[in-house]
């Protein structure tokens, strides 16, 4: 029995619209749609899970720029309780595992806390306002590599306030890059994040940093001055205090 032409048209139209409502594609996205994945995919400590792979990308991004393994683990530990790793482009205030209803890449708008004076944030690093990284619906929201590069360039441009360092040591980014204790490094990262201290749990940050250090073999990676200088446009040796 043949199918009436008007039914074929309707089916084709529905299928096309459902496939074309976002520009995120397997080539552009760095993770899978997780609507039907098990909860284990959101566990960043489980080797091979989506969250674990994303956390590894963050760690690798920083050690390849010359940072010590402890420093890179400190960053991983900090951002785990920001945007987290289960979904790269997660919109703040959205906690599900389905990209289409939780990711900014699909046009989901972040929802902030009551004290916010700007748009809410999103992404691994919880960019706030989210507009400083990319607009709603931009495929970059599901690209971990692009996010890591964005942060590195921001720091290179001076986006670092040492007075916000939670260790009280007013460390420069160069000093953090050389640290050997992930629990110290993660608190220094507040100099970039500059979040509300009333809403930061430093003990969780430190515990996550230590876990990242162990998961990704942080002890294997020492600070590489030549690589660091090349990555951040520094010429000559570090000066005292840097």
Protein backbone atom coordinates (compact mmCIF):
# COMPACT_ATOMS: atom_id res chain seq x y z
CA UNK A 1 0.00 0.00 0.00
CA UNK A 2 1.41 3.39 -0.93
CA UNK A 3 1.66 6.24 1.60
CA UNK A 4 -0.32 9.37 0.67
CA UNK A 5 1.93 12.21 -0.47
CA UNK A 6 0.73 14.72 2.17
CA UNK A 7 1.72 12.29 4.99
CA UNK A 8 5.20 11.94 3.52
CA UNK A 9 5.53 15.73 3.45
CA UNK A 10 4.48 16.04 7.11
CA UNK A 11 6.87 13.33 8.28
CA UNK A 12 9.75 14.87 6.32
CA UNK A 13 9.03 18.33 7.73
CA UNK A 14 8.93 17.11 11.33
CA UNK A 15 12.16 15.14 10.96
CA UNK A 16 13.97 18.06 9.33
CA UNK A 17 12.93 20.57 11.99
CA UNK A 18 13.96 18.29 14.84
CA UNK A 19 17.40 17.82 13.34
CA UNK A 20 18.02 21.45 12.53
CA UNK A 21 17.15 23.28 15.72
CA UNK A 22 20.80 23.75 16.73
CA UNK A 23 24.09 24.00 14.93
CA UNK A 24 25.89 21.72 17.39
CA UNK A 25 27.14 18.73 15.43
CA UNK A 26 29.38 15.76 16.27
CA UNK A 27 32.20 17.64 14.56
CA UNK A 28 31.72 20.75 16.69
CA UNK A 29 30.66 19.23 19.98
CA UNK A 30 33.19 17.63 22.30
CA UNK A 31 30.68 15.40 24.05
CA UNK A 32 27.61 13.31 23.33
CA UNK A 33 23.96 14.10 23.94
CA UNK A 34 23.40 12.58 27.36
CA UNK A 35 19.61 12.34 27.60
CA UNK A 36 19.70 8.53 27.62
CA UNK A 37 23.10 8.03 29.23
CA UNK A 38 23.44 6.50 32.66
CA UNK A 39 24.30 8.64 35.66
CA UNK A 40 27.78 7.14 35.60
CA UNK A 41 28.60 9.35 32.60
CA UNK A 42 28.38 12.37 34.91
CA UNK A 43 30.96 11.00 37.37
CA UNK A 44 34.20 12.85 36.62
CA UNK A 45 36.19 10.40 38.72
CA UNK A 46 35.13 7.39 36.60
CA UNK A 47 37.72 6.76 33.91
CA UNK A 48 36.26 6.99 30.41
CA UNK A 49 33.04 8.75 31.39
CA UNK A 50 32.02 11.91 29.55
CA UNK A 51 32.73 14.00 32.64
CA UNK A 52 36.11 12.34 33.17
CA UNK A 53 37.17 12.97 29.57
CA UNK A 54 36.17 16.63 29.84
CA UNK A 55 38.03 17.06 33.14
CA UNK A 56 41.06 15.50 31.48
CA UNK A 57 40.85 18.05 28.68
CA UNK A 58 40.99 20.85 31.23
CA UNK A 59 43.97 19.29 32.99
CA UNK A 60 45.84 18.65 29.73
CA UNK A 61 45.15 22.14 28.43
CA UNK A 62 47.05 23.69 31.33
CA UNK A 63 50.00 21.29 31.64
CA UNK A 64 50.63 21.68 27.91
CA UNK A 65 50.98 25.41 28.59
CA UNK A 66 53.73 24.74 31.08
CA UNK A 67 51.80 24.66 34.36
CA UNK A 68 52.72 22.06 36.94
CA UNK A 69 50.43 19.09 37.45
CA UNK A 70 49.51 20.48 40.86
CA UNK A 71 48.50 23.80 39.36
CA UNK A 72 46.44 22.17 36.59
CA UNK A 73 44.76 19.91 39.16
CA UNK A 74 43.98 22.98 41.22
CA UNK A 75 42.07 24.45 38.27
CA UNK A 76 40.20 21.19 37.70
CA UNK A 77 39.34 21.03 41.39
CA UNK A 78 37.98 24.56 41.38
CA UNK A 79 35.79 24.33 38.30
CA UNK A 80 34.30 20.97 39.26
CA UNK A 81 31.98 22.82 41.63
CA UNK A 82 31.40 25.65 39.16
CA UNK A 83 30.06 24.47 35.81
CA UNK A 84 31.33 20.94 36.33
CA UNK A 85 32.29 18.43 33.67
CA UNK A 86 29.14 16.43 32.97
CA UNK A 87 28.04 19.02 30.40
CA UNK A 88 30.47 21.48 28.83
CA UNK A 89 27.98 24.21 28.03
CA UNK A 90 25.70 23.82 31.03
CA UNK A 91 23.54 26.88 31.71
CA UNK A 92 23.65 28.01 35.32
CA UNK A 93 20.51 27.00 37.17
CA UNK A 94 19.91 23.95 34.95
CA UNK A 95 20.88 20.58 36.41
CA UNK A 96 19.66 17.90 34.00
CA UNK A 97 21.77 15.65 31.78
CA UNK A 98 20.10 16.38 28.44
CA UNK A 99 21.98 18.85 26.23
CA UNK A 100 18.86 20.18 24.51
CA UNK A 101 17.26 21.35 27.73
CA UNK A 102 20.36 22.31 29.73
CA UNK A 103 23.09 23.55 27.38
CA UNK A 104 23.54 27.14 26.25
CA UNK A 105 24.54 25.72 22.87
CA UNK A 106 20.88 24.83 22.40
CA UNK A 107 19.68 28.27 23.41
CA UNK A 108 18.99 27.49 27.07
CA UNK A 109 19.31 30.73 29.04
CA UNK A 110 21.18 30.62 32.38
CA UNK A 111 19.30 31.48 35.57
CA UNK A 112 21.28 33.26 38.28
CA UNK A 113 21.03 33.72 42.02
CA UNK A 114 19.01 36.52 43.57
CA UNK A 115 22.01 38.74 44.30
CA UNK A 116 23.31 38.75 40.70
CA UNK A 117 23.58 42.15 39.05
CA UNK A 118 24.43 40.75 35.60
CA UNK A 119 23.25 37.90 33.40
CA UNK A 120 23.93 34.46 34.91
CA UNK A 121 26.79 32.25 33.83
CA UNK A 122 27.54 28.99 32.11
CA UNK A 123 30.16 26.56 30.91
CA UNK A 124 32.94 24.67 32.64
CA UNK A 125 34.38 27.85 34.12
CA UNK A 126 30.94 29.34 34.84
CA UNK A 127 31.58 32.42 32.69
CA UNK A 128 29.55 35.22 34.24
CA UNK A 129 27.84 36.87 32.50
CA UNK A 130 27.61 34.09 29.93
CA UNK A 131 27.67 36.69 27.15
CA UNK A 132 31.36 37.38 27.70
CA UNK A 133 32.14 33.98 26.18
CA UNK A 134 29.55 33.43 23.45
CA UNK A 135 25.86 34.12 22.72
CA UNK A 136 22.97 31.73 23.21
CA UNK A 137 22.99 28.93 20.67
CA UNK A 138 26.68 29.22 19.77
CA UNK A 139 28.33 25.79 19.18
CA UNK A 140 31.37 26.99 21.14
CA UNK A 141 29.38 26.26 24.29
CA UNK A 142 29.98 22.56 23.69
CA UNK A 143 33.69 22.87 22.90
CA UNK A 144 35.96 22.33 25.91
CA UNK A 145 39.10 23.18 23.97
CA UNK A 146 37.68 26.55 22.96
CA UNK A 147 36.77 27.32 26.59
CA UNK A 148 40.25 26.48 27.84
CA UNK A 149 41.83 28.72 25.20
CA UNK A 150 39.42 31.54 26.04
CA UNK A 151 40.52 31.49 29.68
CA UNK A 152 44.21 31.30 28.80
CA UNK A 153 43.89 34.32 26.52
CA UNK A 154 41.96 36.24 29.17
CA UNK A 155 44.74 35.67 31.71
CA UNK A 156 47.34 36.63 29.11
CA UNK A 157 45.41 39.89 28.67
CA UNK A 158 45.60 40.60 32.41
CA UNK A 159 42.42 39.02 33.75
CA UNK A 160 43.94 38.14 37.13
CA UNK A 161 43.44 39.88 40.48
CA UNK A 162 46.03 38.58 42.96
CA UNK A 163 44.27 40.28 45.87
CA UNK A 164 41.42 37.76 45.46
CA UNK A 165 43.75 34.81 46.09
CA UNK A 166 42.05 32.80 48.86
CA UNK A 167 45.37 31.77 50.39
CA UNK A 168 45.98 35.41 51.28
CA UNK A 169 49.33 35.24 49.52
CA UNK A 170 48.46 37.55 46.60
CA UNK A 171 50.12 35.12 44.19
CA UNK A 172 50.62 35.99 40.56
CA UNK A 173 49.52 33.54 37.89
CA UNK A 174 53.19 32.77 37.24
CA UNK A 175 53.64 31.77 40.85
CA UNK A 176 50.56 29.59 40.78
CA UNK A 177 51.86 27.85 37.66
CA UNK A 178 54.86 26.62 39.63
CA UNK A 179 53.03 25.31 42.69
CA UNK A 180 53.46 21.73 43.88
CA UNK A 181 50.42 21.53 46.16
CA UNK A 182 47.07 21.26 44.34
CA UNK A 183 45.19 22.28 47.48
CA UNK A 184 47.06 25.58 47.54
CA UNK A 185 46.84 26.14 43.80
CA UNK A 186 43.07 25.72 43.70
CA UNK A 187 42.56 28.52 46.23
CA UNK A 188 44.84 30.80 44.26
CA UNK A 189 42.63 30.25 41.18
CA UNK A 190 40.05 32.54 42.78
CA UNK A 191 42.28 35.35 41.46
CA UNK A 192 40.84 34.50 38.05
CA UNK A 193 37.35 33.35 39.02
CA UNK A 194 36.65 36.10 41.58
CA UNK A 195 33.43 34.54 42.78
CA UNK A 196 31.43 35.54 45.85
CA UNK A 197 33.41 34.16 48.80
CA UNK A 198 30.17 33.69 50.73
CA UNK A 199 29.19 31.01 48.21
CA UNK A 200 32.57 29.24 47.91
CA UNK A 201 33.35 26.04 49.81
CA UNK A 202 37.18 26.03 49.92
CA UNK A 203 37.30 22.56 51.45
CA UNK A 204 35.39 21.07 48.54
CA UNK A 205 37.68 22.87 46.10
CA UNK A 206 40.73 21.46 47.85
CA UNK A 207 39.35 17.93 48.06
CA UNK A 208 38.49 17.99 44.35
CA UNK A 209 41.91 19.41 43.48
CA UNK A 210 43.66 16.62 45.35
CA UNK A 211 41.45 14.04 43.64
CA UNK A 212 42.27 15.51 40.22
CA UNK A 213 45.97 15.44 41.09
CA UNK A 214 45.73 11.73 41.79
CA UNK A 215 43.41 10.88 38.86
CA UNK A 216 45.55 12.59 36.23
CA UNK A 217 48.98 11.72 37.66
CA UNK A 218 49.74 15.31 38.52
CA UNK A 219 53.06 14.42 40.10
CA UNK A 220 54.40 13.55 36.64
CA UNK A 221 54.17 17.15 35.47
CA UNK A 222 56.61 19.78 36.67
CA UNK A 223 56.42 23.45 35.84
CA UNK A 224 58.04 24.02 32.44
CA UNK A 225 59.34 27.57 32.29
CA UNK A 226 60.16 27.60 28.57
CA UNK A 227 56.72 26.31 27.64
CA UNK A 228 55.00 28.66 30.05
CA UNK A 229 56.86 31.66 28.67
CA UNK A 230 56.00 30.69 25.11
CA UNK A 231 52.33 30.12 25.97
CA UNK A 232 51.89 33.42 27.78
CA UNK A 233 54.13 35.69 25.76
CA UNK A 234 56.87 36.14 28.36
CA UNK A 235 60.45 36.77 27.35
CA UNK A 236 63.45 36.12 29.61
CA UNK A 237 63.59 34.39 33.01
CA UNK A 238 61.08 35.09 35.75
CA UNK A 239 61.95 38.02 37.95
CA UNK A 240 62.04 37.68 41.75
CA UNK A 241 58.52 37.65 43.12
CA UNK A 242 56.88 36.67 39.84
